[in-house]
């Protein structure tokens, strides 16, 4: 297990065990946290107030089903393979925003934009935080730097 992952009391003592529904609940909050920090803005155009059709279409095209809006899945959609694919898809499209800067448009309107995005830093943070959740799911899983989710050593999976 990655030493950077902060495990809280119930995780360290293996008292917190997540099933698919529990993992989905955690994933919803996880997604909202990163979405509200504009971590999906660069690659998907997702912000706290906007979920572009283009982002929905890309997810449906790549995954063959719709994951958005992620925070309102139907119960039959909450299964391991869809949860893991949603996590891997989000990982592929995360980037950490830089500093906010004032930008002057051609119409003399000043707006705030990020001075850039850092995919590696965004993925590192995403993976570190997600691994703190995945360790409690079904014997323990880990999201690797290549974007794949696998059981931790000693866990054969479901």
N, C-alpha and C. Protein backbone atom coordinates (compact mmCIF):
# COMPACT_ATOMS: atom_id res chain seq x y z
N UNK A 1 0.84 -1.18 0.00
CA UNK A 1 0.00 0.00 0.00
C UNK A 1 0.88 1.24 0.00
N UNK A 2 0.48 2.24 -0.72
CA UNK A 2 1.22 3.48 -0.85
C UNK A 2 1.32 4.16 0.53
N UNK A 3 2.52 4.47 0.96
CA UNK A 3 2.73 5.07 2.28
C UNK A 3 2.17 6.49 2.37
N UNK A 4 1.91 7.13 1.23
CA UNK A 4 1.36 8.49 1.24
C UNK A 4 -0.11 8.51 1.64
N UNK A 5 -0.78 7.37 1.58
CA UNK A 5 -2.20 7.33 1.88
C UNK A 5 -2.41 7.45 3.38
N UNK A 6 -3.19 8.41 3.77
CA UNK A 6 -3.52 8.60 5.19
C UNK A 6 -4.71 7.72 5.51
N UNK A 7 -4.49 6.75 6.36
CA UNK A 7 -5.58 5.88 6.80
C UNK A 7 -6.02 6.31 8.19
N UNK A 8 -7.30 6.58 8.32
CA UNK A 8 -7.84 6.96 9.61
C UNK A 8 -8.16 5.71 10.43
N UNK A 9 -8.49 5.92 11.67
CA UNK A 9 -8.63 4.87 12.68
C UNK A 9 -9.37 3.63 12.18
N UNK A 10 -10.58 3.81 11.67
CA UNK A 10 -11.37 2.64 11.28
C UNK A 10 -10.75 1.91 10.09
N UNK A 11 -10.06 2.61 9.22
CA UNK A 11 -9.37 1.96 8.10
C UNK A 11 -8.16 1.19 8.59
N UNK A 12 -7.38 1.82 9.48
CA UNK A 12 -6.18 1.14 10.00
C UNK A 12 -6.54 -0.15 10.72
N UNK A 13 -7.67 -0.14 11.43
CA UNK A 13 -8.07 -1.32 12.19
C UNK A 13 -8.99 -2.24 11.40
N UNK A 14 -9.13 -1.96 10.11
CA UNK A 14 -9.97 -2.77 9.21
C UNK A 14 -11.42 -2.84 9.70
N UNK A 15 -11.88 -1.78 10.33
CA UNK A 15 -13.25 -1.72 10.83
C UNK A 15 -14.20 -1.15 9.78
N UNK A 16 -13.65 -0.41 8.82
CA UNK A 16 -14.49 0.20 7.78
C UNK A 16 -14.37 -0.65 6.53
N UNK A 17 -15.46 -1.25 6.16
CA UNK A 17 -15.48 -2.09 4.97
C UNK A 17 -16.56 -1.55 4.05
N UNK A 18 -16.16 -1.17 2.85
CA UNK A 18 -17.10 -0.62 1.89
C UNK A 18 -17.58 -1.70 0.92
N UNK A 19 -18.87 -1.70 0.64
CA UNK A 19 -19.41 -2.50 -0.46
C UNK A 19 -19.57 -1.55 -1.64
N UNK A 20 -20.17 -2.01 -2.73
CA UNK A 20 -20.32 -1.18 -3.93
C UNK A 20 -21.11 0.09 -3.62
N UNK A 21 -22.17 -0.02 -2.85
CA UNK A 21 -22.97 1.16 -2.52
C UNK A 21 -22.18 2.15 -1.68
N UNK A 22 -21.39 1.64 -0.73
CA UNK A 22 -20.56 2.51 0.09
C UNK A 22 -19.48 3.19 -0.73
N UNK A 23 -18.88 2.45 -1.68
CA UNK A 23 -17.87 3.02 -2.56
C UNK A 23 -18.50 4.11 -3.43
N UNK A 24 -19.71 3.87 -3.91
CA UNK A 24 -20.40 4.88 -4.72
C UNK A 24 -20.64 6.16 -3.91
N UNK A 25 -21.07 6.01 -2.67
CA UNK A 25 -21.30 7.19 -1.83
C UNK A 25 -20.00 7.99 -1.68
N UNK A 26 -18.89 7.30 -1.44
CA UNK A 26 -17.59 7.97 -1.32
C UNK A 26 -17.19 8.61 -2.64
N UNK A 27 -17.43 7.91 -3.76
CA UNK A 27 -17.07 8.43 -5.08
C UNK A 27 -17.84 9.71 -5.40
N UNK A 28 -19.09 9.79 -5.01
CA UNK A 28 -19.88 11.02 -5.26
C UNK A 28 -19.21 12.22 -4.58
N UNK A 29 -18.88 12.08 -3.30
CA UNK A 29 -18.25 13.19 -2.58
C UNK A 29 -16.86 13.50 -3.13
N UNK A 30 -16.16 12.46 -3.49
CA UNK A 30 -14.82 12.59 -4.08
C UNK A 30 -14.90 13.40 -5.38
N UNK A 31 -15.82 13.01 -6.25
CA UNK A 31 -16.01 13.71 -7.52
C UNK A 31 -16.36 15.18 -7.28
N UNK A 32 -17.30 15.43 -6.39
CA UNK A 32 -17.73 16.80 -6.13
C UNK A 32 -16.57 17.65 -5.58
N UNK A 33 -15.75 17.07 -4.73
CA UNK A 33 -14.60 17.77 -4.18
C UNK A 33 -13.64 18.20 -5.30
N UNK A 34 -13.29 17.27 -6.18
CA UNK A 34 -12.38 17.59 -7.27
C UNK A 34 -13.04 18.48 -8.32
N UNK A 35 -14.31 18.25 -8.59
CA UNK A 35 -15.04 19.10 -9.54
C UNK A 35 -15.06 20.54 -9.06
N UNK A 36 -15.37 20.75 -7.79
CA UNK A 36 -15.46 22.10 -7.25
C UNK A 36 -14.11 22.81 -7.21
N UNK A 37 -13.03 22.04 -7.28
CA UNK A 37 -11.68 22.62 -7.37
C UNK A 37 -11.22 22.80 -8.81
N UNK A 38 -12.12 22.58 -9.78
CA UNK A 38 -11.85 22.74 -11.22
C UNK A 38 -10.81 21.75 -11.76
N UNK A 39 -10.70 20.60 -11.14
CA UNK A 39 -9.74 19.59 -11.60
C UNK A 39 -10.17 18.90 -12.90
N UNK A 40 -11.42 19.05 -13.30
CA UNK A 40 -11.89 18.45 -14.56
C UNK A 40 -12.19 19.52 -15.61
N UNK A 41 -11.80 20.76 -15.32
CA UNK A 41 -12.10 21.87 -16.23
C UNK A 41 -11.26 21.82 -17.50
N UNK A 42 -9.98 21.59 -17.38
CA UNK A 42 -9.09 21.63 -18.55
C UNK A 42 -9.47 20.58 -19.59
N UNK A 43 -9.67 19.35 -19.18
CA UNK A 43 -9.84 18.25 -20.14
C UNK A 43 -11.29 17.93 -20.48
N UNK A 44 -12.22 18.24 -19.56
CA UNK A 44 -13.63 17.93 -19.81
C UNK A 44 -14.53 19.17 -19.79
N UNK A 45 -14.00 20.29 -19.35
CA UNK A 45 -14.80 21.51 -19.28
C UNK A 45 -15.79 21.52 -18.12
N UNK A 46 -15.63 20.58 -17.19
CA UNK A 46 -16.56 20.46 -16.05
C UNK A 46 -16.16 21.46 -14.97
N UNK A 47 -17.15 22.22 -14.52
CA UNK A 47 -17.00 23.13 -13.39
C UNK A 47 -18.16 22.87 -12.44
N UNK A 48 -18.15 23.53 -11.30
CA UNK A 48 -19.23 23.31 -10.33
C UNK A 48 -20.58 23.71 -10.90
N UNK A 49 -20.61 24.65 -11.83
CA UNK A 49 -21.88 25.11 -12.39
C UNK A 49 -22.16 24.62 -13.80
N UNK A 50 -21.23 23.86 -14.40
CA UNK A 50 -21.39 23.42 -15.78
C UNK A 50 -20.96 21.96 -15.95
N UNK A 51 -21.85 21.17 -16.56
CA UNK A 51 -21.52 19.81 -16.99
C UNK A 51 -21.79 19.76 -18.49
N UNK A 52 -20.75 20.02 -19.30
CA UNK A 52 -20.95 20.12 -20.74
C UNK A 52 -21.41 18.81 -21.39
N UNK A 53 -22.23 18.94 -22.41
CA UNK A 53 -22.67 17.78 -23.18
C UNK A 53 -21.46 17.03 -23.74
N UNK A 54 -20.44 17.76 -24.11
CA UNK A 54 -19.23 17.14 -24.67
C UNK A 54 -18.60 16.16 -23.68
N UNK A 55 -18.56 16.52 -22.40
CA UNK A 55 -18.01 15.63 -21.37
C UNK A 55 -18.88 14.39 -21.23
N UNK A 56 -20.20 14.58 -21.22
CA UNK A 56 -21.12 13.44 -21.13
C UNK A 56 -20.96 12.52 -22.33
N UNK A 57 -20.86 13.12 -23.51
CA UNK A 57 -20.73 12.33 -24.73
C UNK A 57 -19.42 11.55 -24.77
N UNK A 58 -18.35 12.18 -24.33
CA UNK A 58 -17.05 11.49 -24.32
C UNK A 58 -17.09 10.29 -23.38
N UNK A 59 -17.65 10.47 -22.19
CA UNK A 59 -17.73 9.35 -21.24
C UNK A 59 -18.57 8.22 -21.82
N UNK A 60 -19.71 8.55 -22.39
CA UNK A 60 -20.59 7.52 -22.97
C UNK A 60 -19.92 6.83 -24.15
N UNK A 61 -19.18 7.57 -24.93
CA UNK A 61 -18.49 7.01 -26.09
C UNK A 61 -17.38 6.05 -25.66
N UNK A 62 -16.59 6.46 -24.69
CA UNK A 62 -15.44 5.66 -24.25
C UNK A 62 -15.88 4.48 -23.40
N UNK A 63 -16.84 4.69 -22.51
CA UNK A 63 -17.24 3.65 -21.57
C UNK A 63 -18.45 2.85 -22.03
N UNK A 64 -19.13 3.29 -23.05
CA UNK A 64 -20.32 2.63 -23.62
C UNK A 64 -21.56 2.78 -22.74
N UNK A 65 -21.50 3.64 -21.73
CA UNK A 65 -22.64 3.99 -20.90
C UNK A 65 -22.36 5.35 -20.28
N UNK A 66 -23.36 5.98 -19.77
CA UNK A 66 -23.25 7.34 -19.24
C UNK A 66 -22.93 7.33 -17.75
N UNK A 67 -21.88 8.01 -17.36
CA UNK A 67 -21.56 8.12 -15.92
C UNK A 67 -22.02 9.45 -15.34
N UNK A 68 -22.38 10.39 -16.20
CA UNK A 68 -22.79 11.71 -15.74
C UNK A 68 -24.30 11.88 -15.82
N UNK A 69 -24.92 12.57 -14.87
CA UNK A 69 -24.28 13.15 -13.68
C UNK A 69 -23.90 12.05 -12.69
N UNK A 70 -22.67 12.08 -12.28
CA UNK A 70 -22.13 11.02 -11.42
C UNK A 70 -22.82 10.95 -10.07
N UNK A 71 -23.35 12.07 -9.60
CA UNK A 71 -23.94 12.09 -8.27
C UNK A 71 -25.38 11.61 -8.23
N UNK A 72 -25.91 11.07 -9.34
CA UNK A 72 -27.30 10.59 -9.31
C UNK A 72 -27.49 9.32 -10.15
N UNK A 73 -26.68 8.31 -9.88
CA UNK A 73 -26.82 7.03 -10.56
C UNK A 73 -28.04 6.28 -10.04
N UNK A 74 -28.62 5.47 -10.91
CA UNK A 74 -29.70 4.58 -10.47
C UNK A 74 -29.06 3.39 -9.75
N UNK A 75 -29.80 2.74 -8.83
CA UNK A 75 -29.23 1.65 -8.04
C UNK A 75 -28.63 0.50 -8.87
N UNK A 76 -29.22 0.17 -10.01
CA UNK A 76 -28.68 -0.93 -10.82
C UNK A 76 -27.35 -0.59 -11.49
N UNK A 77 -27.02 0.67 -11.54
CA UNK A 77 -25.76 1.11 -12.13
C UNK A 77 -24.60 0.99 -11.14
N UNK A 78 -24.91 0.87 -9.84
CA UNK A 78 -23.89 0.85 -8.80
C UNK A 78 -23.33 -0.56 -8.65
N UNK A 79 -22.41 -0.89 -9.56
CA UNK A 79 -21.72 -2.18 -9.54
C UNK A 79 -20.22 -1.92 -9.71
N UNK A 80 -19.42 -2.85 -9.25
CA UNK A 80 -17.98 -2.66 -9.21
C UNK A 80 -17.39 -2.22 -10.54
N UNK A 81 -17.73 -2.90 -11.62
CA UNK A 81 -17.09 -2.59 -12.91
C UNK A 81 -17.39 -1.15 -13.36
N UNK A 82 -18.59 -0.68 -13.12
CA UNK A 82 -18.92 0.70 -13.51
C UNK A 82 -18.26 1.71 -12.58
N UNK A 83 -18.20 1.39 -11.31
CA UNK A 83 -17.51 2.27 -10.36
C UNK A 83 -16.03 2.39 -10.72
N UNK A 84 -15.38 1.26 -10.96
CA UNK A 84 -13.95 1.28 -11.28
C UNK A 84 -13.70 1.99 -12.61
N UNK A 85 -14.55 1.77 -13.60
CA UNK A 85 -14.37 2.45 -14.88
C UNK A 85 -14.57 3.95 -14.74
N UNK A 86 -15.53 4.37 -13.92
CA UNK A 86 -15.75 5.80 -13.69
C UNK A 86 -14.51 6.41 -13.03
N UNK A 87 -13.95 5.73 -12.05
CA UNK A 87 -12.74 6.22 -11.38
C UNK A 87 -11.59 6.33 -12.37
N UNK A 88 -11.38 5.29 -13.17
CA UNK A 88 -10.30 5.31 -14.15
C UNK A 88 -10.50 6.40 -15.20
N UNK A 89 -11.74 6.61 -15.63
CA UNK A 89 -12.05 7.68 -16.59
C UNK A 89 -11.74 9.05 -15.99
N UNK A 90 -12.18 9.28 -14.77
CA UNK A 90 -11.91 10.56 -14.12
C UNK A 90 -10.41 10.78 -13.95
N UNK A 91 -9.69 9.71 -13.59
CA UNK A 91 -8.24 9.81 -13.43
C UNK A 91 -7.58 10.25 -14.73
N UNK A 92 -8.05 9.71 -15.85
CA UNK A 92 -7.49 10.08 -17.16
C UNK A 92 -7.75 11.54 -17.52
N UNK A 93 -8.73 12.16 -16.87
CA UNK A 93 -9.14 13.51 -17.26
C UNK A 93 -8.96 14.55 -16.15
N UNK A 94 -8.12 14.26 -15.19
CA UNK A 94 -7.90 15.18 -14.08
C UNK A 94 -6.62 15.98 -14.32
N UNK A 95 -6.63 17.22 -13.90
CA UNK A 95 -5.42 18.05 -13.90
C UNK A 95 -5.59 19.14 -12.84
N UNK A 96 -4.50 19.44 -12.18
CA UNK A 96 -4.53 20.42 -11.10
C UNK A 96 -4.42 21.83 -11.69
N UNK A 97 -5.40 22.70 -11.36
CA UNK A 97 -5.31 24.06 -11.89
C UNK A 97 -4.19 24.84 -11.21
N UNK A 98 -3.63 25.78 -11.98
CA UNK A 98 -2.58 26.64 -11.45
C UNK A 98 -3.17 27.82 -10.70
N UNK A 99 -2.48 28.93 -10.74
CA UNK A 99 -2.92 30.14 -10.06
C UNK A 99 -3.97 30.87 -10.90
N UNK A 100 -4.91 31.49 -10.21
CA UNK A 100 -5.90 32.33 -10.91
C UNK A 100 -5.25 33.65 -11.29
N UNK A 101 -5.49 34.06 -12.53
CA UNK A 101 -4.95 35.31 -13.04
C UNK A 101 -6.06 36.12 -13.71
N UNK A 102 -5.92 37.41 -13.69
CA UNK A 102 -6.86 38.26 -14.41
C UNK A 102 -6.49 38.26 -15.89
N UNK A 103 -7.51 38.07 -16.73
CA UNK A 103 -7.30 38.05 -18.17
C UNK A 103 -8.21 39.10 -18.79
N UNK A 104 -7.65 39.91 -19.66
CA UNK A 104 -8.40 40.96 -20.34
C UNK A 104 -8.82 40.43 -21.70
N UNK A 105 -10.13 40.40 -21.96
CA UNK A 105 -10.62 39.91 -23.25
C UNK A 105 -10.60 41.03 -24.28
N UNK A 106 -10.92 40.67 -25.51
CA UNK A 106 -10.93 41.66 -26.60
C UNK A 106 -11.99 42.73 -26.38
N UNK A 107 -12.99 42.46 -25.57
CA UNK A 107 -14.07 43.42 -25.28
C UNK A 107 -13.78 44.24 -24.03
N UNK A 108 -12.53 44.21 -23.58
CA UNK A 108 -12.10 44.94 -22.38
C UNK A 108 -12.82 44.45 -21.11
N UNK A 109 -13.13 43.18 -21.08
CA UNK A 109 -13.73 42.56 -19.90
C UNK A 109 -12.64 41.76 -19.20
N UNK A 110 -12.52 41.97 -17.91
CA UNK A 110 -11.53 41.24 -17.13
C UNK A 110 -12.21 40.02 -16.51
N UNK A 111 -11.59 38.86 -16.71
CA UNK A 111 -12.11 37.64 -16.11
C UNK A 111 -10.95 36.90 -15.44
N UNK A 112 -11.30 35.94 -14.61
CA UNK A 112 -10.28 35.13 -13.94
C UNK A 112 -10.14 33.79 -14.66
N UNK A 113 -8.91 33.45 -14.97
CA UNK A 113 -8.59 32.18 -15.60
C UNK A 113 -7.35 31.61 -14.92
N UNK A 114 -7.18 30.31 -15.02
CA UNK A 114 -5.98 29.67 -14.47
C UNK A 114 -4.80 29.91 -15.42
N UNK A 115 -3.61 30.04 -14.84
CA UNK A 115 -2.43 30.27 -15.66
C UNK A 115 -1.90 28.98 -16.28
N UNK A 116 -2.56 27.88 -16.04
CA UNK A 116 -2.18 26.60 -16.61
C UNK A 116 -2.70 25.46 -15.74
N UNK A 117 -2.42 24.25 -16.18
CA UNK A 117 -2.85 23.05 -15.46
C UNK A 117 -1.69 22.06 -15.40
N UNK A 118 -1.67 21.26 -14.36
CA UNK A 118 -0.61 20.28 -14.17
C UNK A 118 -1.25 18.89 -14.05
N UNK A 119 -1.18 18.12 -15.12
CA UNK A 119 -1.80 16.80 -15.14
C UNK A 119 -1.17 15.86 -14.13
N UNK A 120 0.15 15.84 -14.08
CA UNK A 120 0.85 14.93 -13.16
C UNK A 120 0.49 15.22 -11.69
N UNK A 121 0.51 16.48 -11.32
CA UNK A 121 0.16 16.85 -9.93
C UNK A 121 -1.29 16.51 -9.63
N UNK A 122 -2.18 16.76 -10.59
CA UNK A 122 -3.59 16.42 -10.41
C UNK A 122 -3.80 14.93 -10.24
N UNK A 123 -3.12 14.15 -11.07
CA UNK A 123 -3.23 12.70 -10.96
C UNK A 123 -2.65 12.18 -9.67
N UNK A 124 -1.53 12.75 -9.23
CA UNK A 124 -0.92 12.32 -7.96
C UNK A 124 -1.89 12.55 -6.80
N UNK A 125 -2.48 13.72 -6.76
CA UNK A 125 -3.42 14.03 -5.68
C UNK A 125 -4.66 13.15 -5.76
N UNK A 126 -5.20 13.00 -6.97
CA UNK A 126 -6.38 12.17 -7.19
C UNK A 126 -6.11 10.74 -6.72
N UNK A 127 -4.97 10.19 -7.14
CA UNK A 127 -4.62 8.80 -6.81
C UNK A 127 -4.41 8.63 -5.30
N UNK A 128 -3.71 9.56 -4.70
CA UNK A 128 -3.46 9.48 -3.25
C UNK A 128 -4.77 9.49 -2.47
N UNK A 129 -5.65 10.41 -2.81
CA UNK A 129 -6.93 10.50 -2.11
C UNK A 129 -7.83 9.30 -2.40
N UNK A 130 -7.89 8.88 -3.65
CA UNK A 130 -8.74 7.74 -4.02
C UNK A 130 -8.24 6.46 -3.37
N UNK A 131 -6.95 6.29 -3.27
CA UNK A 131 -6.42 5.07 -2.64
C UNK A 131 -6.80 5.00 -1.16
N UNK A 132 -7.00 6.14 -0.53
CA UNK A 132 -7.49 6.15 0.85
C UNK A 132 -8.91 5.60 0.97
N UNK A 133 -9.65 5.64 -0.13
CA UNK A 133 -11.01 5.08 -0.17
C UNK A 133 -10.98 3.63 -0.63
N UNK A 134 -10.23 3.37 -1.70
CA UNK A 134 -10.21 2.02 -2.29
C UNK A 134 -9.66 0.95 -1.34
N UNK A 135 -8.82 1.35 -0.40
CA UNK A 135 -8.25 0.38 0.54
C UNK A 135 -9.34 -0.28 1.39
N UNK A 136 -10.47 0.40 1.55
CA UNK A 136 -11.56 -0.12 2.37
C UNK A 136 -12.60 -0.89 1.55
N UNK A 137 -12.42 -0.97 0.25
CA UNK A 137 -13.41 -1.64 -0.58
C UNK A 137 -13.04 -3.10 -0.82
N UNK A 138 -13.91 -3.99 -0.42
CA UNK A 138 -13.84 -5.41 -0.78
C UNK A 138 -12.45 -6.03 -0.64
N UNK A 139 -11.81 -5.82 0.48
CA UNK A 139 -10.50 -6.42 0.73
C UNK A 139 -9.33 -5.53 0.36
N UNK A 140 -9.59 -4.43 -0.30
CA UNK A 140 -8.54 -3.47 -0.62
C UNK A 140 -8.14 -3.45 -2.08
N UNK A 141 -8.19 -2.27 -2.67
CA UNK A 141 -7.77 -2.04 -4.05
C UNK A 141 -6.88 -0.82 -4.08
N UNK A 142 -6.14 -0.68 -5.20
CA UNK A 142 -5.25 0.46 -5.36
C UNK A 142 -5.34 0.97 -6.80
N UNK A 143 -5.34 2.29 -6.93
CA UNK A 143 -5.27 2.94 -8.24
C UNK A 143 -3.80 3.24 -8.50
N UNK A 144 -3.26 2.65 -9.57
CA UNK A 144 -1.84 2.80 -9.90
C UNK A 144 -1.61 4.03 -10.76
N UNK A 145 -0.35 4.42 -10.90
CA UNK A 145 0.01 5.60 -11.69
C UNK A 145 -0.38 5.45 -13.16
N UNK A 146 -0.51 4.21 -13.65
CA UNK A 146 -0.92 4.01 -15.04
C UNK A 146 -2.44 4.13 -15.21
N UNK A 147 -3.15 4.39 -14.11
CA UNK A 147 -4.60 4.60 -14.17
C UNK A 147 -5.43 3.35 -14.00
N UNK A 148 -4.80 2.22 -13.71
CA UNK A 148 -5.53 0.97 -13.55
C UNK A 148 -5.76 0.66 -12.06
N UNK A 149 -6.93 0.10 -11.78
CA UNK A 149 -7.27 -0.31 -10.42
C UNK A 149 -7.07 -1.81 -10.32
N UNK A 150 -6.34 -2.23 -9.30
CA UNK A 150 -6.08 -3.64 -9.06
C UNK A 150 -6.19 -3.94 -7.57
N UNK A 151 -6.44 -5.22 -7.23
CA UNK A 151 -6.46 -5.59 -5.80
C UNK A 151 -5.08 -5.35 -5.18
N UNK A 152 -5.06 -5.01 -3.89
CA UNK A 152 -3.78 -4.92 -3.20
C UNK A 152 -3.23 -6.33 -3.04
N UNK A 153 -1.95 -6.43 -2.82
CA UNK A 153 -1.33 -7.76 -2.65
C UNK A 153 -2.04 -8.50 -1.52
N UNK A 154 -2.32 -9.76 -1.77
CA UNK A 154 -3.00 -10.57 -0.76
C UNK A 154 -4.52 -10.54 -0.89
N UNK A 155 -5.04 -9.70 -1.77
CA UNK A 155 -6.49 -9.65 -2.01
C UNK A 155 -6.70 -10.12 -3.44
N UNK A 156 -7.36 -11.25 -3.55
CA UNK A 156 -7.64 -11.79 -4.87
C UNK A 156 -8.78 -11.11 -5.57
N UNK A 157 -9.44 -10.15 -4.91
CA UNK A 157 -10.58 -9.47 -5.51
C UNK A 157 -11.86 -10.23 -5.26
N UNK A 158 -12.93 -9.73 -5.83
CA UNK A 158 -14.26 -10.33 -5.61
C UNK A 158 -14.38 -11.66 -6.28
